[in-house]
Amino acid sequence: MHRLRTRAVLLLLVSLLLLSSCSLDSVAKFASQSSQALAQGPAILKDIEGSCIRGEQSKAKDPYYGLDQSALAAKVQADAAKACKAYTDETPSLLVASKTLTDYFTAISQLAGTGKTSTGKNADQDKQAAQNAAKTRKSITLMQSVGKIIGLIGKMASEGYRAEHLQKDLNSVSSDVETVLAALGTVGSVDYNTVLTVEQQEYERQFNDLGLLTASDPSTNIIRVLAKSDEITEARLIAAKHAAATAYGEAINQIIGGHKALLAHTGKLDAKDVPVLIQPYTDSLSQIVQKLIPLF
């Protein structure tokens, strides 16, 4: 009887260890997928200003027919830069925010997977980068949340930090993580789709205007053919960027949902209910990442 009890206790301990291992493994996979999705963000965030400027440059050329070519180029460039200044000012802080969240989920993945992380060793430099990027009222507020997350990432990388410390510490920055994710989702998906639509409309308008100017002259057929080819190429490129913006927004939503689910339950990160809570988000992110990566 004593042997049977001992064996039962040992089997229970083994089962608990396996459940704990599976739970932490599910945390590691969710965080890894989140990190991979966020790593695609900079390509989007860097092009928002560029798309805005391209659209504004196309839109702005018409009123300046009286200027010579050099003056026209300077005027168009200056007007486009002014119209897109908000994106120019915000982009540095958004790139810092994107890197910080990528590091945050990478550190969680490493801690849950191996028990330690090296991500966060450069926390002091990252904090300085966040301070340097805070140029506007909006970016200052965003960088305050980013600074708190960087502080935790640095703590995660410290000697002696273990996965069992995560539950309390992740809750301490949960609102900051959600704030930064929401900001990236708004700019990287909603705003990016908006400026891409303007850029696309201006390309289409330019081609239509060229068609009206050359329609009565057969010798300009080659110009229309080349212009049409350019329009098709640009349309395909912009369509791919639209798809990327939409996928990025979907990824952000899945990360927010999974992060909330991970922290909402009353147990620890190695509780047996964790895989059920976050696996749907991990699966969705895996599919979205596969759509995002080929676009950049």
C-alpha atoms as a PDB file:
ATOM      1  CA  MET A   1       0.000   0.000   0.000  1.00  0.00           C
ATOM      2  CA  HIS A   2       2.843   2.358   0.916  1.00  0.00           C
ATOM      3  CA  ARG A   3       4.537   1.693  -2.427  1.00  0.00           C
ATOM      4  CA  LEU A   4       1.315   2.375  -4.294  1.00  0.00           C
ATOM      5  CA  ARG A   5       0.887   5.694  -2.491  1.00  0.00           C
ATOM      6  CA  THR A   6       4.488   6.649  -3.190  1.00  0.00           C
ATOM      7  CA  ARG A   7       4.067   5.762  -6.833  1.00  0.00           C
ATOM      8  CA  ALA A   8       0.846   7.775  -7.024  1.00  0.00           C
ATOM      9  CA  VAL A   9       2.562  10.804  -5.495  1.00  0.00           C
ATOM     10  CA  LEU A  10       5.450  10.502  -7.935  1.00  0.00           C
ATOM     11  CA  LEU A  11       3.066  10.236 -10.887  1.00  0.00           C
ATOM     12  CA  LEU A  12       1.202  13.319  -9.652  1.00  0.00           C
ATOM     13  CA  LEU A  13       4.446  15.285  -9.358  1.00  0.00           C
ATOM     14  CA  VAL A  14       5.527  14.226 -12.837  1.00  0.00           C
ATOM     15  CA  SER A  15       2.119  15.205 -14.224  1.00  0.00           C
ATOM     16  CA  LEU A  16       2.307  18.612 -12.563  1.00  0.00           C
ATOM     17  CA  LEU A  17       5.797  19.169 -13.926  1.00  0.00           C
ATOM     18  CA  LEU A  18       4.653  18.210 -17.410  1.00  0.00           C
ATOM     19  CA  LEU A  19       1.650  20.540 -17.190  1.00  0.00           C
ATOM     20  CA  SER A  20       3.909  23.334 -15.969  1.00  0.00           C
ATOM     21  CA  SER A  21       6.351  22.679 -18.810  1.00  0.00           C
ATOM     22  CA  CYS A  22       3.554  22.631 -21.402  1.00  0.00           C
ATOM     23  CA  SER A  23       2.110  25.860 -20.016  1.00  0.00           C
ATOM     24  CA  LEU A  24       5.401  27.732 -20.106  1.00  0.00           C
ATOM     25  CA  ASP A  25       6.033  26.337 -23.573  1.00  0.00           C
ATOM     26  CA  SER A  26       2.718  27.796 -24.742  1.00  0.00           C
ATOM     27  CA  VAL A  27       3.711  31.160 -23.258  1.00  0.00           C
ATOM     28  CA  ALA A  28       7.051  30.987 -25.062  1.00  0.00           C
ATOM     29  CA  LYS A  29       5.358  30.205 -28.403  1.00  0.00           C
ATOM     30  CA  PHE A  30       2.800  33.007 -28.069  1.00  0.00           C
ATOM     31  CA  ALA A  31       5.503  35.524 -27.151  1.00  0.00           C
ATOM     32  CA  SER A  32       7.724  34.325 -30.003  1.00  0.00           C
ATOM     33  CA  GLN A  33       4.928  34.736 -32.567  1.00  0.00           C
ATOM     34  CA  SER A  34       4.159  38.179 -31.144  1.00  0.00           C
ATOM     35  CA  SER A  35       7.810  39.171 -31.464  1.00  0.00           C
ATOM     36  CA  GLN A  36       7.969  37.943 -35.071  1.00  0.00           C
ATOM     37  CA  ALA A  37       4.855  39.910 -36.016  1.00  0.00           C
ATOM     38  CA  LEU A  38       6.107  43.087 -34.338  1.00  0.00           C
ATOM     39  CA  ALA A  39       9.479  42.730 -36.077  1.00  0.00           C
ATOM     40  CA  GLN A  40       7.705  43.453 -39.388  1.00  0.00           C
ATOM     41  CA  GLY A  41       6.502  46.805 -38.070  1.00  0.00           C
ATOM     42  CA  PRO A  42       9.474  49.073 -38.896  1.00  0.00           C
ATOM     43  CA  ALA A  43       9.078  48.524 -42.663  1.00  0.00           C
ATOM     44  CA  ILE A  44       5.485  49.772 -42.373  1.00  0.00           C
ATOM     45  CA  LEU A  45       6.207  52.594 -39.950  1.00  0.00           C
ATOM     46  CA  LYS A  46       9.078  53.936 -42.064  1.00  0.00           C
ATOM     47  CA  ASP A  47       6.947  54.030 -45.222  1.00  0.00           C
ATOM     48  CA  ILE A  48       4.005  55.969 -43.768  1.00  0.00           C
ATOM     49  CA  GLU A  49       5.841  59.280 -44.103  1.00  0.00           C
ATOM     50  CA  GLY A  50       7.103  58.244 -47.559  1.00  0.00           C
ATOM     51  CA  SER A  51       3.623  57.352 -48.789  1.00  0.00           C
ATOM     52  CA  CYS A  52       2.231  60.628 -47.459  1.00  0.00           C
ATOM     53  CA  ILE A  53       4.962  62.615 -49.215  1.00  0.00           C
ATOM     54  CA  ARG A  54       4.533  60.750 -52.511  1.00  0.00           C
ATOM     55  CA  GLY A  55       0.800  61.391 -52.467  1.00  0.00           C
ATOM     56  CA  GLU A  56       1.221  65.067 -51.562  1.00  0.00           C
ATOM     57  CA  GLN A  57       3.890  65.593 -54.238  1.00  0.00           C
ATOM     58  CA  SER A  58       1.587  64.204 -56.917  1.00  0.00           C
ATOM     59  CA  LYS A  59      -1.313  66.252 -55.627  1.00  0.00           C
ATOM     60  CA  ALA A  60       0.678  69.492 -55.353  1.00  0.00           C
ATOM     61  CA  LYS A  61       2.155  69.739 -58.846  1.00  0.00           C
ATOM     62  CA  ASP A  62      -0.881  71.148 -60.646  1.00  0.00           C
ATOM     63  CA  PRO A  63      -0.992  74.697 -59.172  1.00  0.00           C
ATOM     64  CA  TYR A  64       2.616  75.529 -60.048  1.00  0.00           C
ATOM     65  CA  TYR A  65       2.786  75.418 -63.854  1.00  0.00           C
ATOM     66  CA  GLY A  66       4.343  78.911 -63.968  1.00  0.00           C
ATOM     67  CA  LEU A  67       7.510  77.831 -62.146  1.00  0.00           C
ATOM     68  CA  ASP A  68      10.656  76.470 -63.770  1.00  0.00           C
ATOM     69  CA  GLN A  69      11.562  72.856 -63.067  1.00  0.00           C
ATOM     70  CA  SER A  70      14.013  73.465 -60.196  1.00  0.00           C
ATOM     71  CA  ALA A  71      11.684  75.919 -58.446  1.00  0.00           C
ATOM     72  CA  LEU A  72       8.760  73.553 -59.016  1.00  0.00           C
ATOM     73  CA  ALA A  73      10.640  70.635 -57.452  1.00  0.00           C
ATOM     74  CA  ALA A  74      11.648  72.717 -54.439  1.00  0.00           C
ATOM     75  CA  LYS A  75       8.118  74.049 -53.935  1.00  0.00           C
ATOM     76  CA  VAL A  76       6.497  70.632 -54.241  1.00  0.00           C
ATOM     77  CA  GLN A  77       9.004  69.076 -51.857  1.00  0.00           C
ATOM     78  CA  ALA A  78       8.545  71.851 -49.273  1.00  0.00           C
ATOM     79  CA  ASP A  79       4.752  71.662 -49.421  1.00  0.00           C
ATOM     80  CA  ALA A  80       4.750  67.864 -49.144  1.00  0.00           C
ATOM     81  CA  ALA A  81       7.130  67.949 -46.180  1.00  0.00           C
ATOM     82  CA  LYS A  82       4.883  70.463 -44.430  1.00  0.00           C
ATOM     83  CA  ALA A  83       1.732  68.411 -45.079  1.00  0.00           C
ATOM     84  CA  CYS A  84       3.379  65.245 -43.746  1.00  0.00           C
ATOM     85  CA  LYS A  85       5.202  66.806 -40.789  1.00  0.00           C
ATOM     86  CA  ALA A  86       3.076  64.972 -38.230  1.00  0.00           C
ATOM     87  CA  TYR A  87       4.289  61.609 -39.547  1.00  0.00           C
ATOM     88  CA  THR A  88       7.874  62.879 -39.744  1.00  0.00           C
ATOM     89  CA  ASP A  89       7.758  63.946 -36.105  1.00  0.00           C
ATOM     90  CA  GLU A  90       6.085  60.776 -34.816  1.00  0.00           C
ATOM     91  CA  THR A  91       8.045  58.135 -36.748  1.00  0.00           C
ATOM     92  CA  PRO A  92      11.159  58.076 -34.479  1.00  0.00           C
ATOM     93  CA  SER A  93       9.057  57.417 -31.369  1.00  0.00           C
ATOM     94  CA  LEU A  94       7.013  54.757 -33.145  1.00  0.00           C
ATOM     95  CA  LEU A  95      10.162  52.924 -34.238  1.00  0.00           C
ATOM     96  CA  VAL A  96      11.456  52.979 -30.649  1.00  0.00           C
ATOM     97  CA  ALA A  97       8.062  51.710 -29.454  1.00  0.00           C
ATOM     98  CA  SER A  98       8.100  48.913 -32.042  1.00  0.00           C
ATOM     99  CA  LYS A  99      11.602  47.793 -31.038  1.00  0.00           C
ATOM    100  CA  THR A 100      10.706  47.906 -27.347  1.00  0.00           C
ATOM    101  CA  LEU A 101       7.673  45.657 -27.733  1.00  0.00           C
ATOM    102  CA  THR A 102       9.632  43.279 -29.969  1.00  0.00           C
ATOM    103  CA  ASP A 103      12.262  43.046 -27.216  1.00  0.00           C
ATOM    104  CA  TYR A 104       9.566  42.674 -24.543  1.00  0.00           C
ATOM    105  CA  PHE A 105       7.975  39.636 -26.166  1.00  0.00           C
ATOM    106  CA  THR A 106      11.373  38.191 -27.116  1.00  0.00           C
ATOM    107  CA  ALA A 107      12.442  38.375 -23.459  1.00  0.00           C
ATOM    108  CA  ILE A 108       9.223  36.688 -22.316  1.00  0.00           C
ATOM    109  CA  SER A 109       9.706  33.937 -24.893  1.00  0.00           C
ATOM    110  CA  GLN A 110      13.277  33.323 -23.790  1.00  0.00           C
ATOM    111  CA  LEU A 111      12.424  33.323 -20.088  1.00  0.00           C
ATOM    112  CA  ALA A 112       9.486  30.956 -20.547  1.00  0.00           C
ATOM    113  CA  GLY A 113      11.522  28.727 -22.863  1.00  0.00           C
ATOM    114  CA  THR A 114      14.961  28.604 -21.257  1.00  0.00           C
ATOM    115  CA  GLY A 115      14.574  30.328 -17.892  1.00  0.00           C
ATOM    116  CA  LYS A 116      16.723  33.348 -18.752  1.00  0.00           C
ATOM    117  CA  THR A 117      17.113  36.116 -21.317  1.00  0.00           C
ATOM    118  CA  SER A 118      19.903  38.319 -22.646  1.00  0.00           C
ATOM    119  CA  THR A 119      17.437  40.753 -24.222  1.00  0.00           C
ATOM    120  CA  GLY A 120      17.522  43.940 -22.173  1.00  0.00           C
ATOM    121  CA  LYS A 121      21.272  44.158 -21.622  1.00  0.00           C
ATOM    122  CA  ASN A 122      21.222  47.538 -23.413  1.00  0.00           C
ATOM    123  CA  ALA A 123      18.307  48.960 -21.420  1.00  0.00           C
ATOM    124  CA  ASP A 124      20.172  52.188 -20.568  1.00  0.00           C
ATOM    125  CA  GLN A 125      20.828  52.968 -24.249  1.00  0.00           C
ATOM    126  CA  ASP A 126      17.237  52.075 -25.110  1.00  0.00           C
ATOM    127  CA  LYS A 127      15.915  54.473 -22.457  1.00  0.00           C
ATOM    128  CA  GLN A 128      18.100  57.217 -23.895  1.00  0.00           C
ATOM    129  CA  ALA A 129      16.779  56.478 -27.395  1.00  0.00           C
ATOM    130  CA  ALA A 130      13.229  56.782 -26.047  1.00  0.00           C
ATOM    131  CA  GLN A 131      14.024  60.157 -24.490  1.00  0.00           C
ATOM    132  CA  ASN A 132      15.592  61.407 -27.729  1.00  0.00           C
ATOM    133  CA  ALA A 133      12.535  60.301 -29.738  1.00  0.00           C
ATOM    134  CA  ALA A 134      10.067  62.229 -27.557  1.00  0.00           C
ATOM    135  CA  LYS A 135       9.605  65.353 -29.720  1.00  0.00           C
ATOM    136  CA  THR A 136       5.857  66.013 -29.557  1.00  0.00           C
ATOM    137  CA  ARG A 137       3.218  65.909 -26.819  1.00  0.00           C
ATOM    138  CA  LYS A 138       1.860  62.639 -28.204  1.00  0.00           C
ATOM    139  CA  SER A 139       5.287  61.006 -28.463  1.00  0.00           C
ATOM    140  CA  ILE A 140       6.274  62.183 -24.968  1.00  0.00           C
ATOM    141  CA  THR A 141       3.244  60.398 -23.514  1.00  0.00           C
ATOM    142  CA  LEU A 142       3.987  57.291 -25.584  1.00  0.00           C
ATOM    143  CA  MET A 143       7.640  57.250 -24.532  1.00  0.00           C
ATOM    144  CA  GLN A 144       6.641  57.353 -20.876  1.00  0.00           C
ATOM    145  CA  SER A 145       4.923  53.988 -21.324  1.00  0.00           C
ATOM    146  CA  VAL A 146       7.836  52.734 -23.421  1.00  0.00           C
ATOM    147  CA  GLY A 147      10.275  53.724 -20.667  1.00  0.00           C
ATOM    148  CA  LYS A 148       8.428  51.583 -18.109  1.00  0.00           C
ATOM    149  CA  ILE A 149       8.500  48.590 -20.450  1.00  0.00           C
ATOM    150  CA  ILE A 150      12.228  49.068 -21.103  1.00  0.00           C
ATOM    151  CA  GLY A 151      12.774  49.131 -17.337  1.00  0.00           C
ATOM    152  CA  LEU A 152      11.103  45.735 -17.005  1.00  0.00           C
ATOM    153  CA  ILE A 153      13.047  44.291 -19.952  1.00  0.00           C
ATOM    154  CA  GLY A 154      16.270  45.357 -18.228  1.00  0.00           C
ATOM    155  CA  LYS A 155      15.072  43.726 -15.015  1.00  0.00           C
ATOM    156  CA  MET A 156      14.311  40.498 -16.872  1.00  0.00           C
ATOM    157  CA  ALA A 157      17.910  40.364 -18.091  1.00  0.00           C
ATOM    158  CA  SER A 158      19.357  40.794 -14.601  1.00  0.00           C
ATOM    159  CA  GLU A 159      21.171  37.948 -12.858  1.00  0.00           C
ATOM    160  CA  GLY A 160      18.844  35.687 -10.910  1.00  0.00           C
ATOM    161  CA  TYR A 161      15.630  36.701 -12.671  1.00  0.00           C
ATOM    162  CA  ARG A 162      13.437  33.699 -13.430  1.00  0.00           C
ATOM    163  CA  ALA A 163      10.179  32.914 -15.213  1.00  0.00           C
ATOM    164  CA  GLU A 164       8.310  32.643 -11.905  1.00  0.00           C
ATOM    165  CA  HIS A 165       8.834  36.393 -11.389  1.00  0.00           C
ATOM    166  CA  LEU A 166       6.997  37.222 -14.609  1.00  0.00           C
ATOM    167  CA  GLN A 167       3.372  37.075 -13.435  1.00  0.00           C
ATOM    168  CA  LYS A 168       3.630  40.020 -11.042  1.00  0.00           C
ATOM    169  CA  ASP A 169       5.972  42.057 -13.231  1.00  0.00           C
ATOM    170  CA  LEU A 170       3.952  41.645 -16.438  1.00  0.00           C
ATOM    171  CA  ASN A 171       0.862  42.882 -14.654  1.00  0.00           C
ATOM    172  CA  SER A 172       2.778  45.959 -13.544  1.00  0.00           C
ATOM    173  CA  VAL A 173       3.243  47.129 -17.164  1.00  0.00           C
ATOM    174  CA  SER A 174       0.158  45.583 -18.754  1.00  0.00           C
ATOM    175  CA  SER A 175      -1.606  48.927 -19.317  1.00  0.00           C
ATOM    176  CA  ASP A 176       1.573  50.415 -20.808  1.00  0.00           C
ATOM    177  CA  VAL A 177       1.967  47.464 -23.192  1.00  0.00           C
ATOM    178  CA  GLU A 178      -1.637  47.813 -24.337  1.00  0.00           C
ATOM    179  CA  THR A 179      -1.225  51.583 -24.792  1.00  0.00           C
ATOM    180  CA  VAL A 180       1.839  51.136 -26.998  1.00  0.00           C
ATOM    181  CA  LEU A 181       0.287  48.278 -28.979  1.00  0.00           C
ATOM    182  CA  ALA A 182      -2.828  50.366 -29.623  1.00  0.00           C
ATOM    183  CA  ALA A 183      -0.715  53.298 -30.849  1.00  0.00           C
ATOM    184  CA  LEU A 184       1.238  51.061 -33.245  1.00  0.00           C
ATOM    185  CA  GLY A 185      -1.972  49.487 -34.518  1.00  0.00           C
ATOM    186  CA  THR A 186      -3.622  52.849 -35.199  1.00  0.00           C
ATOM    187  CA  VAL A 187      -0.672  54.314 -37.090  1.00  0.00           C
ATOM    188  CA  GLY A 188       0.576  51.133 -38.757  1.00  0.00           C
ATOM    189  CA  SER A 189      -2.820  49.994 -39.986  1.00  0.00           C
ATOM    190  CA  VAL A 190      -5.463  52.753 -39.995  1.00  0.00           C
ATOM    191  CA  ASP A 191      -3.219  55.738 -40.821  1.00  0.00           C
ATOM    192  CA  TYR A 192      -1.063  53.773 -43.255  1.00  0.00           C
ATOM    193  CA  ASN A 193      -4.094  52.538 -45.185  1.00  0.00           C
ATOM    194  CA  THR A 194      -5.355  56.126 -45.362  1.00  0.00           C
ATOM    195  CA  VAL A 195      -2.171  57.616 -46.844  1.00  0.00           C
ATOM    196  CA  LEU A 196      -1.821  54.658 -49.216  1.00  0.00           C
ATOM    197  CA  THR A 197      -5.333  55.330 -50.536  1.00  0.00           C
ATOM    198  CA  VAL A 198      -4.436  58.972 -51.222  1.00  0.00           C
ATOM    199  CA  GLU A 199      -1.224  57.908 -52.954  1.00  0.00           C
ATOM    200  CA  GLN A 200      -3.113  55.411 -55.114  1.00  0.00           C
ATOM    201  CA  GLN A 201      -5.783  57.945 -56.060  1.00  0.00           C
ATOM    202  CA  GLU A 202      -3.144  60.457 -57.135  1.00  0.00           C
ATOM    203  CA  TYR A 203      -1.391  57.907 -59.363  1.00  0.00           C
ATOM    204  CA  GLU A 204      -4.726  57.082 -60.998  1.00  0.00           C
ATOM    205  CA  ARG A 205      -5.558  60.764 -61.464  1.00  0.00           C
ATOM    206  CA  GLN A 206      -2.181  61.460 -63.055  1.00  0.00           C
ATOM    207  CA  PHE A 207      -2.656  58.623 -65.536  1.00  0.00           C
ATOM    208  CA  ASN A 208      -6.164  59.812 -66.413  1.00  0.00           C
ATOM    209  CA  ASP A 209      -4.882  63.372 -66.927  1.00  0.00           C
ATOM    210  CA  LEU A 210      -2.104  62.089 -69.181  1.00  0.00           C
ATOM    211  CA  GLY A 211      -4.639  60.134 -71.210  1.00  0.00           C
ATOM    212  CA  LEU A 212      -6.712  63.266 -71.819  1.00  0.00           C
ATOM    213  CA  LEU A 213      -3.640  65.265 -72.861  1.00  0.00           C
ATOM    214  CA  THR A 214      -2.358  62.651 -75.338  1.00  0.00           C
ATOM    215  CA  ALA A 215      -5.584  61.104 -76.675  1.00  0.00           C
ATOM    216  CA  SER A 216      -5.763  63.290 -79.787  1.00  0.00           C
ATOM    217  CA  ASP A 217      -2.149  62.667 -80.843  1.00  0.00           C
ATOM    218  CA  PRO A 218      -1.398  59.132 -82.172  1.00  0.00           C
ATOM    219  CA  SER A 219       2.349  59.761 -81.848  1.00  0.00           C
ATOM    220  CA  THR A 220       1.991  59.720 -78.074  1.00  0.00           C
ATOM    221  CA  ASN A 221       0.612  56.177 -77.927  1.00  0.00           C
ATOM    222  CA  ILE A 222       3.931  54.876 -76.599  1.00  0.00           C
ATOM    223  CA  ILE A 223       3.753  57.382 -73.751  1.00  0.00           C
ATOM    224  CA  ARG A 224       0.334  56.095 -72.751  1.00  0.00           C
ATOM    225  CA  VAL A 225       1.523  52.465 -72.949  1.00  0.00           C
ATOM    226  CA  LEU A 226       4.533  53.185 -70.707  1.00  0.00           C
ATOM    227  CA  ALA A 227       2.416  55.220 -68.310  1.00  0.00           C
ATOM    228  CA  LYS A 228      -0.126  52.402 -68.074  1.00  0.00           C
ATOM    229  CA  SER A 229       2.660  49.946 -67.285  1.00  0.00           C
ATOM    230  CA  ASP A 230       3.904  52.242 -64.509  1.00  0.00           C
ATOM    231  CA  GLU A 231       0.381  52.612 -63.155  1.00  0.00           C
ATOM    232  CA  ILE A 232      -0.105  48.825 -63.016  1.00  0.00           C
ATOM    233  CA  THR A 233       3.241  48.371 -61.251  1.00  0.00           C
ATOM    234  CA  GLU A 234       2.428  51.053 -58.697  1.00  0.00           C
ATOM    235  CA  ALA A 235      -1.084  49.690 -58.190  1.00  0.00           C
ATOM    236  CA  ARG A 236       0.309  46.228 -57.405  1.00  0.00           C
ATOM    237  CA  LEU A 237       2.881  47.673 -55.000  1.00  0.00           C
ATOM    238  CA  ILE A 238       0.296  49.777 -53.183  1.00  0.00           C
ATOM    239  CA  ALA A 239      -2.097  46.800 -53.017  1.00  0.00           C
ATOM    240  CA  ALA A 240       0.659  44.754 -51.345  1.00  0.00           C
ATOM    241  CA  LYS A 241       1.236  47.574 -48.866  1.00  0.00           C
ATOM    242  CA  HIS A 242      -2.488  47.768 -48.124  1.00  0.00           C
ATOM    243  CA  ALA A 243      -2.428  44.039 -47.403  1.00  0.00           C
ATOM    244  CA  ALA A 244       0.563  44.516 -45.094  1.00  0.00           C
ATOM    245  CA  ALA A 245      -1.149  47.354 -43.209  1.00  0.00           C
ATOM    246  CA  THR A 246      -4.285  45.269 -42.724  1.00  0.00           C
ATOM    247  CA  ALA A 247      -2.323  42.185 -41.618  1.00  0.00           C
ATOM    248  CA  TYR A 248      -0.273  44.293 -39.205  1.00  0.00           C
ATOM    249  CA  GLY A 249      -3.462  45.637 -37.633  1.00  0.00           C
ATOM    250  CA  GLU A 250      -4.809  42.090 -37.303  1.00  0.00           C
ATOM    251  CA  ALA A 251      -1.553  40.981 -35.661  1.00  0.00           C
ATOM    252  CA  ILE A 252      -1.680  43.840 -33.150  1.00  0.00           C
ATOM    253  CA  ASN A 253      -5.260  42.892 -32.223  1.00  0.00           C
ATOM    254  CA  GLN A 254      -4.258  39.266 -31.679  1.00  0.00           C
ATOM    255  CA  ILE A 255      -1.279  40.294 -29.543  1.00  0.00           C
ATOM    256  CA  ILE A 256      -3.473  42.554 -27.415  1.00  0.00           C
ATOM    257  CA  GLY A 257      -6.042  39.776 -26.989  1.00  0.00           C
ATOM    258  CA  GLY A 258      -3.466  37.126 -26.158  1.00  0.00           C
ATOM    259  CA  HIS A 259      -1.619  39.404 -23.743  1.00  0.00           C
ATOM    260  CA  LYS A 260      -4.860  40.190 -21.897  1.00  0.00           C
ATOM    261  CA  ALA A 261      -5.833  36.521 -21.781  1.00  0.00           C
ATOM    262  CA  LEU A 262      -2.412  35.599 -20.466  1.00  0.00           C
ATOM    263  CA  LEU A 263      -2.663  38.005 -17.545  1.00  0.00           C
ATOM    264  CA  ALA A 264      -6.389  37.795 -16.842  1.00  0.00           C
ATOM    265  CA  HIS A 265      -6.476  34.345 -15.233  1.00  0.00           C
ATOM    266  CA  THR A 266      -5.942  34.092 -11.476  1.00  0.00           C
ATOM    267  CA  GLY A 267      -3.193  31.467 -11.552  1.00  0.00           C
ATOM    268  CA  LYS A 268       0.458  31.643 -12.541  1.00  0.00           C
ATOM    269  CA  LEU A 269       1.943  31.589 -16.025  1.00  0.00           C
ATOM    270  CA  ASP A 270       2.638  27.877 -15.630  1.00  0.00           C
ATOM    271  CA  ALA A 271      -0.970  27.097 -14.663  1.00  0.00           C
ATOM    272  CA  LYS A 272      -2.564  24.275 -16.628  1.00  0.00           C
ATOM    273  CA  ASP A 273      -5.273  26.533 -18.118  1.00  0.00           C
ATOM    274  CA  VAL A 274      -2.781  28.842 -19.854  1.00  0.00           C
ATOM    275  CA  PRO A 275      -2.407  26.844 -23.130  1.00  0.00           C
ATOM    276  CA  VAL A 276      -6.180  26.826 -23.667  1.00  0.00           C
ATOM    277  CA  LEU A 277      -6.324  30.570 -23.059  1.00  0.00           C
ATOM    278  CA  ILE A 278      -3.614  31.687 -25.464  1.00  0.00           C
ATOM    279  CA  GLN A 279      -3.298  28.956 -28.106  1.00  0.00           C
ATOM    280  CA  PRO A 280      -5.967  30.510 -30.381  1.00  0.00           C
ATOM    281  CA  TYR A 281      -4.004  33.772 -30.426  1.00  0.00           C
ATOM    282  CA  THR A 282      -0.751  31.926 -31.135  1.00  0.00           C
ATOM    283  CA  ASP A 283      -2.326  30.071 -34.060  1.00  0.00           C
ATOM    284  CA  SER A 284      -3.788  33.265 -35.521  1.00  0.00           C
ATOM    285  CA  LEU A 285      -0.483  35.099 -35.199  1.00  0.00           C
ATOM    286  CA  SER A 286       1.344  32.254 -36.912  1.00  0.00           C
ATOM    287  CA  GLN A 287      -0.932  32.597 -39.949  1.00  0.00           C
ATOM    288  CA  ILE A 288      -0.650  36.403 -39.994  1.00  0.00           C
ATOM    289  CA  VAL A 289       3.148  36.325 -39.769  1.00  0.00           C
ATOM    290  CA  GLN A 290       3.248  34.040 -42.787  1.00  0.00           C
ATOM    291  CA  LYS A 291       1.281  36.682 -44.703  1.00  0.00           C
ATOM    292  CA  LEU A 292       3.386  39.583 -43.444  1.00  0.00           C
ATOM    293  CA  ILE A 293       6.924  38.315 -43.979  1.00  0.00           C
ATOM    294  CA  PRO A 294       6.804  37.932 -47.810  1.00  0.00           C
ATOM    295  CA  LEU A 295       5.646  41.560 -48.122  1.00  0.00           C
ATOM    296  CA  PHE A 296       8.952  43.037 -46.904  1.00  0.00           C
END
